[in-house]
Amino acid sequence: MTVEILKVSKNGSALNIEWSDGEKSNFNYMWLRDNCETAH
């Protein structure tokens, strides 16, 4: 089963993703920066 992104939104501290399987993910901006291979 392929899971697709339904919605992406942002707030003051995180990027929020809603997936087609009903799951939701929140990625803190600092975590994204610290884990980005091109940010270093």
PDB file of N, CA and C in Angstrom:
ATOM      1  N   MET A   1       0.836  -1.182   0.000  1.00  0.00           N
ATOM      2  CA  MET A   1       0.000   0.000   0.000  1.00  0.00           C
ATOM      3  C   MET A   1       0.880   1.244   0.000  1.00  0.00           C
ATOM      4  N   THR A   2       0.597   2.159  -0.872  1.00  0.00           N
ATOM      5  CA  THR A   2       1.329   3.414  -0.939  1.00  0.00           C
ATOM      6  C   THR A   2       0.644   4.447  -0.063  1.00  0.00           C
ATOM      7  N   VAL A   3       1.416   5.087   0.784  1.00  0.00           N
ATOM      8  CA  VAL A   3       0.891   6.144   1.641  1.00  0.00           C
ATOM      9  C   VAL A   3       1.313   7.472   1.033  1.00  0.00           C
ATOM     10  N   GLU A   4       0.343   8.362   0.851  1.00  0.00           N
ATOM     11  CA  GLU A   4       0.619   9.649   0.227  1.00  0.00           C
ATOM     12  C   GLU A   4       0.392  10.786   1.212  1.00  0.00           C
ATOM     13  N   ILE A   5       1.016  11.903   0.935  1.00  0.00           N
ATOM     14  CA  ILE A   5       0.807  13.104   1.743  1.00  0.00           C
ATOM     15  C   ILE A   5      -0.502  13.751   1.315  1.00  0.00           C
ATOM     16  N   LEU A   6      -1.383  14.005   2.289  1.00  0.00           N
ATOM     17  CA  LEU A   6      -2.641  14.679   2.003  1.00  0.00           C
ATOM     18  C   LEU A   6      -2.555  16.179   2.249  1.00  0.00           C
ATOM     19  N   LYS A   7      -1.819  16.549   3.295  1.00  0.00           N
ATOM     20  CA  LYS A   7      -1.777  17.959   3.678  1.00  0.00           C
ATOM     21  C   LYS A   7      -0.467  18.263   4.385  1.00  0.00           C
ATOM     22  N   VAL A   8       0.105  19.416   4.064  1.00  0.00           N
ATOM     23  CA  VAL A   8       1.288  19.914   4.757  1.00  0.00           C
ATOM     24  C   VAL A   8       0.946  21.295   5.285  1.00  0.00           C
ATOM     25  N   SER A   9       1.222  21.517   6.550  1.00  0.00           N
ATOM     26  CA  SER A   9       0.994  22.833   7.147  1.00  0.00           C
ATOM     27  C   SER A   9       2.168  23.157   8.053  1.00  0.00           C
ATOM     28  N   LYS A  10       2.257  24.411   8.444  1.00  0.00           N
ATOM     29  CA  LYS A  10       3.348  24.814   9.321  1.00  0.00           C
ATOM     30  C   LYS A  10       2.800  25.668  10.453  1.00  0.00           C
ATOM     31  N   ASN A  11       3.545  25.674  11.536  1.00  0.00           N
ATOM     32  CA  ASN A  11       3.230  26.569  12.633  1.00  0.00           C
ATOM     33  C   ASN A  11       4.532  27.224  13.067  1.00  0.00           C
ATOM     34  N   GLY A  12       4.559  27.834  14.215  1.00  0.00           N
ATOM     35  CA  GLY A  12       5.742  28.555  14.653  1.00  0.00           C
ATOM     36  C   GLY A  12       6.958  27.701  14.907  1.00  0.00           C
ATOM     37  N   SER A  13       6.774  26.400  15.136  1.00  0.00           N
ATOM     38  CA  SER A  13       7.925  25.576  15.508  1.00  0.00           C
ATOM     39  C   SER A  13       8.031  24.256  14.762  1.00  0.00           C
ATOM     40  N   ALA A  14       7.064  23.937  13.887  1.00  0.00           N
ATOM     41  CA  ALA A  14       7.100  22.613  13.256  1.00  0.00           C
ATOM     42  C   ALA A  14       6.391  22.590  11.905  1.00  0.00           C
ATOM     43  N   LEU A  15       6.753  21.587  11.132  1.00  0.00           N
ATOM     44  CA  LEU A  15       6.093  21.256   9.881  1.00  0.00           C
ATOM     45  C   LEU A  15       5.185  20.070  10.174  1.00  0.00           C
ATOM     46  N   ASN A  16       3.910  20.173   9.827  1.00  0.00           N
ATOM     47  CA  ASN A  16       2.927  19.132  10.130  1.00  0.00           C
ATOM     48  C   ASN A  16       2.489  18.456   8.836  1.00  0.00           C
ATOM     49  N   ILE A  17       2.468  17.132   8.836  1.00  0.00           N
ATOM     50  CA  ILE A  17       2.087  16.360   7.652  1.00  0.00           C
ATOM     51  C   ILE A  17       0.956  15.413   8.015  1.00  0.00           C
ATOM     52  N   GLU A  18      -0.090  15.408   7.173  1.00  0.00           N
ATOM     53  CA  GLU A  18      -1.184  14.441   7.317  1.00  0.00           C
ATOM     54  C   GLU A  18      -1.069  13.449   6.169  1.00  0.00           C
ATOM     55  N   TRP A  19      -1.085  12.154   6.509  1.00  0.00           N
ATOM     56  CA  TRP A  19      -0.885  11.075   5.547  1.00  0.00           C
ATOM     57  C   TRP A  19      -2.216  10.430   5.174  1.00  0.00           C
ATOM     58  N   SER A  20      -2.252   9.764   4.020  1.00  0.00           N
ATOM     59  CA  SER A  20      -3.482   9.139   3.529  1.00  0.00           C
ATOM     60  C   SER A  20      -3.952   7.967   4.380  1.00  0.00           C
ATOM     61  N   ASP A  21      -3.080   7.439   5.251  1.00  0.00           N
ATOM     62  CA  ASP A  21      -3.499   6.342   6.129  1.00  0.00           C
ATOM     63  C   ASP A  21      -4.027   6.849   7.475  1.00  0.00           C
ATOM     64  N   GLY A  22      -4.182   8.173   7.595  1.00  0.00           N
ATOM     65  CA  GLY A  22      -4.724   8.758   8.816  1.00  0.00           C
ATOM     66  C   GLY A  22      -3.685   9.196   9.830  1.00  0.00           C
ATOM     67  N   GLU A  23      -2.441   8.834   9.601  1.00  0.00           N
ATOM     68  CA  GLU A  23      -1.373   9.226  10.527  1.00  0.00           C
ATOM     69  C   GLU A  23      -1.039  10.702  10.363  1.00  0.00           C
ATOM     70  N   LYS A  24      -0.484  11.287  11.414  1.00  0.00           N
ATOM     71  CA  LYS A  24      -0.015  12.667  11.383  1.00  0.00           C
ATOM     72  C   LYS A  24       1.411  12.695  11.904  1.00  0.00           C
ATOM     73  N   SER A  25       2.248  13.492  11.263  1.00  0.00           N
ATOM     74  CA  SER A  25       3.643  13.637  11.682  1.00  0.00           C
ATOM     75  C   SER A  25       3.937  15.106  11.916  1.00  0.00           C
ATOM     76  N   ASN A  26       4.709  15.379  12.957  1.00  0.00           N
ATOM     77  CA  ASN A  26       5.145  16.734  13.260  1.00  0.00           C
ATOM     78  C   ASN A  26       6.669  16.737  13.303  1.00  0.00           C
ATOM     79  N   PHE A  27       7.270  17.605  12.505  1.00  0.00           N
ATOM     80  CA  PHE A  27       8.722  17.697  12.448  1.00  0.00           C
ATOM     81  C   PHE A  27       9.150  19.083  12.910  1.00  0.00           C
ATOM     82  N   ASN A  28       9.788  19.129  14.064  1.00  0.00           N
ATOM     83  CA  ASN A  28      10.287  20.377  14.620  1.00  0.00           C
ATOM     84  C   ASN A  28      11.329  20.965  13.674  1.00  0.00           C
ATOM     85  N   TYR A  29      11.284  22.291  13.470  1.00  0.00           N
ATOM     86  CA  TYR A  29      12.216  22.935  12.545  1.00  0.00           C
ATOM     87  C   TYR A  29      13.670  22.700  12.922  1.00  0.00           C
ATOM     88  N   MET A  30      13.980  22.711  14.208  1.00  0.00           N
ATOM     89  CA  MET A  30      15.360  22.477  14.641  1.00  0.00           C
ATOM     90  C   MET A  30      15.788  21.047  14.311  1.00  0.00           C
ATOM     91  N   TRP A  31      14.888  20.081  14.494  1.00  0.00           N
ATOM     92  CA  TRP A  31      15.201  18.696  14.159  1.00  0.00           C
ATOM     93  C   TRP A  31      15.451  18.574  12.659  1.00  0.00           C
ATOM     94  N   LEU A  32      14.605  19.220  11.844  1.00  0.00           N
ATOM     95  CA  LEU A  32      14.790  19.164  10.395  1.00  0.00           C
ATOM     96  C   LEU A  32      16.149  19.736   9.999  1.00  0.00           C
ATOM     97  N   ARG A  33      16.498  20.877  10.564  1.00  0.00           N
ATOM     98  CA  ARG A  33      17.788  21.485  10.253  1.00  0.00           C
ATOM     99  C   ARG A  33      18.939  20.587  10.689  1.00  0.00           C
ATOM    100  N   ASP A  34      18.855  20.049  11.888  1.00  0.00           N
ATOM    101  CA  ASP A  34      19.929  19.210  12.413  1.00  0.00           C
ATOM    102  C   ASP A  34      20.088  17.901  11.648  1.00  0.00           C
ATOM    103  N   ASN A  35      19.046  17.446  10.966  1.00  0.00           N
ATOM    104  CA  ASN A  35      19.084  16.170  10.251  1.00  0.00           C
ATOM    105  C   ASN A  35      19.143  16.319   8.736  1.00  0.00           C
ATOM    106  N   CYS A  36      19.308  17.540   8.264  1.00  0.00           N
ATOM    107  CA  CYS A  36      19.409  17.792   6.824  1.00  0.00           C
ATOM    108  C   CYS A  36      20.865  17.648   6.384  1.00  0.00           C
ATOM    109  N   GLU A  37      21.114  16.783   5.426  1.00  0.00           N
ATOM    110  CA  GLU A  37      22.481  16.553   4.954  1.00  0.00           C
ATOM    111  C   GLU A  37      23.080  17.781   4.286  1.00  0.00           C
ATOM    112  N   THR A  38      22.260  18.640   3.696  1.00  0.00           N
ATOM    113  CA  THR A  38      22.785  19.803   2.977  1.00  0.00           C
ATOM    114  C   THR A  38      22.901  21.043   3.855  1.00  0.00           C
ATOM    115  N   ALA A  39      22.478  20.970   5.105  1.00  0.00           N
ATOM    116  CA  ALA A  39      22.527  22.140   5.989  1.00  0.00           C
ATOM    117  C   ALA A  39      23.868  22.292   6.694  1.00  0.00           C
ATOM    118  N   HIS A  40      24.768  21.347   6.522  1.00  0.00           N
ATOM    119  CA  HIS A  40      26.037  21.389   7.267  1.00  0.00           C
ATOM    120  C   HIS A  40      27.189  21.724   6.369  1.00  0.00           C
TER     121      HIS A  40
END
